[in-house]
Amino acid sequence: MSSLLLQHLTQEHTAVAEFLDLLTREADAMSQGHFTALQELAERKSKLADSVALLGRQRENEQMRLGYKADLSGAEAAAAAGGQSLTQAWKQLRECAAQAHALNHANGVMIHAHLDFTRQAISFLKASGKPLYGPDGAHDAGAASGNRLAVG
């Protein structure tokens, strides 16, 4: 067993698990309408994604040093040849990565749904050719008369 490869797998798993946590926070923020939190989460996700990619390259370099390809088949072969500890670490990493992939996709779908809704709302507001609200913030209902109940 390569203790260095096990170390790489463990570090990569830790980073992917942290990424999964950020994705969960992102989903929660969107579900609860806390859109102001998304920018910070996106910045943290971007930095962490870079770290995950670097850790993946380091693991692949170690696989190659051990005589395996720097791809999925090489990782599978290296883990299988390394015994139970490596096999278990590789399995945990793949499971966590699969969860992160699925949640990242679901978050992307949710983001696009919010964007579509916002675009449609803007299109609706622009469709009449005149603003829905006047400069004083009051709704212009056209030729309606009477008192404005909401104006103080």
Protein backbone atom coordinates (compact mmCIF):
# COMPACT_ATOMS: atom_id res chain seq x y z
CA MET A 1 0.00 0.00 0.00
CA SER A 2 1.18 3.50 -0.82
CA SER A 3 0.75 5.69 2.23
CA LEU A 4 1.30 8.77 0.06
CA LEU A 5 -1.57 7.77 -2.26
CA LEU A 6 -3.77 7.15 0.78
CA GLN A 7 -2.85 10.60 2.07
CA HIS A 8 -3.80 12.15 -1.30
CA LEU A 9 -7.13 10.31 -1.35
CA THR A 10 -7.90 11.43 2.20
CA GLN A 11 -7.05 15.07 1.47
CA GLU A 12 -9.08 15.03 -1.72
CA HIS A 13 -12.04 13.45 0.07
CA THR A 14 -11.89 16.12 2.79
CA ALA A 15 -11.90 18.91 0.20
CA VAL A 16 -14.76 17.35 -1.78
CA ALA A 17 -16.76 16.91 1.45
CA GLU A 18 -16.21 20.59 2.24
CA PHE A 19 -17.35 21.43 -1.31
CA LEU A 20 -20.47 19.32 -0.75
CA ASP A 21 -21.15 21.28 2.45
CA LEU A 22 -20.93 24.56 0.50
CA LEU A 23 -23.33 23.18 -2.11
CA THR A 24 -25.77 22.27 0.66
CA ARG A 25 -25.51 25.80 2.06
CA GLU A 26 -26.07 27.20 -1.43
CA ALA A 27 -29.20 25.08 -1.91
CA ASP A 28 -30.51 26.13 1.51
CA ALA A 29 -29.85 29.82 0.77
CA MET A 30 -31.77 29.63 -2.50
CA SER A 31 -34.62 27.63 -0.98
CA GLN A 32 -34.99 30.18 1.82
CA GLY A 33 -34.62 33.19 -0.46
CA HIS A 34 -31.30 34.35 1.02
CA PHE A 35 -29.85 35.37 -2.32
CA THR A 36 -27.40 37.84 -0.79
CA ALA A 37 -25.44 34.91 0.65
CA LEU A 38 -24.86 33.41 -2.80
CA GLN A 39 -21.97 35.65 -3.84
CA GLU A 40 -19.82 34.68 -0.86
CA LEU A 41 -20.70 31.02 -1.31
CA ALA A 42 -19.83 31.20 -5.01
CA GLU A 43 -16.45 32.75 -4.24
CA ARG A 44 -15.70 30.06 -1.64
CA LYS A 45 -16.87 27.34 -4.04
CA SER A 46 -14.59 28.66 -6.77
CA LYS A 47 -11.53 28.64 -4.51
CA LEU A 48 -12.38 25.21 -3.18
CA ALA A 49 -12.96 23.85 -6.69
CA ASP A 50 -9.44 25.00 -7.58
CA SER A 51 -8.11 23.19 -4.49
CA VAL A 52 -10.00 20.01 -5.39
CA ALA A 53 -8.56 20.14 -8.90
CA LEU A 54 -5.03 20.59 -7.54
CA LEU A 55 -5.47 17.69 -5.12
CA GLY A 56 -6.79 15.53 -7.96
CA ARG A 57 -3.71 16.33 -10.07
CA GLN A 58 -1.45 15.47 -7.13
CA ARG A 59 -3.23 12.14 -6.70
CA GLU A 60 -2.93 11.43 -10.41
CA ASN A 61 0.79 12.25 -10.30
CA GLU A 62 1.20 9.76 -7.46
CA GLN A 63 -0.73 7.15 -9.46
CA MET A 64 1.67 7.67 -12.37
CA ARG A 65 4.67 7.47 -10.04
CA LEU A 66 3.35 4.08 -8.93
CA GLY A 67 3.00 2.96 -12.55
CA TYR A 68 -0.72 3.55 -13.09
CA LYS A 69 -2.51 5.77 -15.57
CA ALA A 70 -3.66 9.22 -14.43
CA ASP A 71 -7.30 8.43 -15.17
CA LEU A 72 -10.23 6.60 -13.62
CA SER A 73 -8.96 3.17 -14.64
CA GLY A 74 -5.55 3.99 -13.13
CA ALA A 75 -7.14 5.13 -9.89
CA GLU A 76 -9.26 1.98 -9.71
CA ALA A 77 -6.22 -0.22 -10.37
CA ALA A 78 -4.02 1.62 -7.86
CA ALA A 79 -6.71 1.39 -5.19
CA ALA A 80 -7.32 -2.32 -5.84
CA ALA A 81 -3.60 -3.08 -5.73
CA GLY A 82 -3.17 -1.07 -2.55
CA GLY A 83 -5.42 -3.17 -0.36
CA GLN A 84 -8.46 -2.51 1.77
CA SER A 85 -7.45 0.94 3.05
CA LEU A 86 -6.89 2.37 -0.42
CA THR A 87 -9.97 0.66 -1.82
CA GLN A 88 -12.13 2.10 0.98
CA ALA A 89 -10.61 5.60 0.64
CA TRP A 90 -11.18 5.56 -3.13
CA LYS A 91 -14.78 4.38 -2.65
CA GLN A 92 -15.49 7.14 -0.13
CA LEU A 93 -14.00 9.77 -2.43
CA ARG A 94 -16.06 8.60 -5.41
CA GLU A 95 -19.29 8.49 -3.38
CA CYS A 96 -18.73 11.99 -2.00
CA ALA A 97 -17.81 13.30 -5.47
CA ALA A 98 -20.99 11.75 -6.93
CA GLN A 99 -23.10 13.47 -4.27
CA ALA A 100 -21.36 16.79 -4.96
CA HIS A 101 -21.89 16.37 -8.70
CA ALA A 102 -25.61 15.66 -8.25
CA LEU A 103 -26.16 18.56 -5.83
CA ASN A 104 -24.16 20.95 -8.02
CA HIS A 105 -26.40 20.00 -10.96
CA ALA A 106 -29.55 20.47 -8.86
CA ASN A 107 -28.32 23.88 -7.68
CA GLY A 108 -27.62 24.86 -11.27
CA VAL A 109 -31.16 23.93 -12.24
CA MET A 110 -32.50 25.99 -9.34
CA ILE A 111 -30.35 28.99 -10.32
CA HIS A 112 -31.55 28.83 -13.92
CA ALA A 113 -35.17 28.59 -12.75
CA HIS A 114 -34.71 31.75 -10.66
CA LEU A 115 -33.06 33.52 -13.59
CA ASP A 116 -35.86 32.51 -15.95
CA PHE A 117 -38.47 33.75 -13.48
CA THR A 118 -36.64 37.06 -13.09
CA ARG A 119 -36.31 37.48 -16.86
CA GLN A 120 -40.00 36.76 -17.34
CA ALA A 121 -40.95 39.24 -14.62
CA ILE A 122 -38.80 41.94 -16.20
CA SER A 123 -40.28 41.20 -19.63
CA PHE A 124 -43.80 41.46 -18.19
CA LEU A 125 -43.02 44.78 -16.55
CA LYS A 126 -41.53 46.14 -19.79
CA ALA A 127 -44.26 44.73 -22.06
CA SER A 128 -46.79 47.50 -21.57
CA GLY A 129 -44.40 50.12 -22.88
CA LYS A 130 -44.86 52.34 -19.87
CA PRO A 131 -43.62 51.88 -16.34
CA LEU A 132 -45.82 50.02 -13.92
CA TYR A 133 -44.95 52.53 -11.20
CA GLY A 134 -44.57 56.28 -11.52
CA PRO A 135 -41.70 58.43 -10.24
CA ASP A 136 -43.52 58.83 -6.94
CA GLY A 137 -43.64 55.06 -6.49
CA ALA A 138 -47.39 54.92 -7.01
CA HIS A 139 -48.93 52.37 -9.35
CA ASP A 140 -50.30 54.00 -12.49
CA ALA A 141 -53.56 52.16 -13.18
CA GLY A 142 -54.39 54.24 -16.19
CA ALA A 143 -57.52 56.39 -16.14
CA ALA A 144 -58.69 55.26 -12.73
CA SER A 145 -59.85 57.93 -10.36
CA GLY A 146 -60.35 58.13 -6.69
CA ASN A 147 -58.20 58.10 -3.64
CA ARG A 148 -55.02 56.13 -3.39
CA LEU A 149 -55.49 54.05 -0.30
CA ALA A 150 -51.86 53.05 0.10
CA VAL A 151 -50.48 56.59 -0.07
CA GLY A 152 -49.83 58.13 3.33
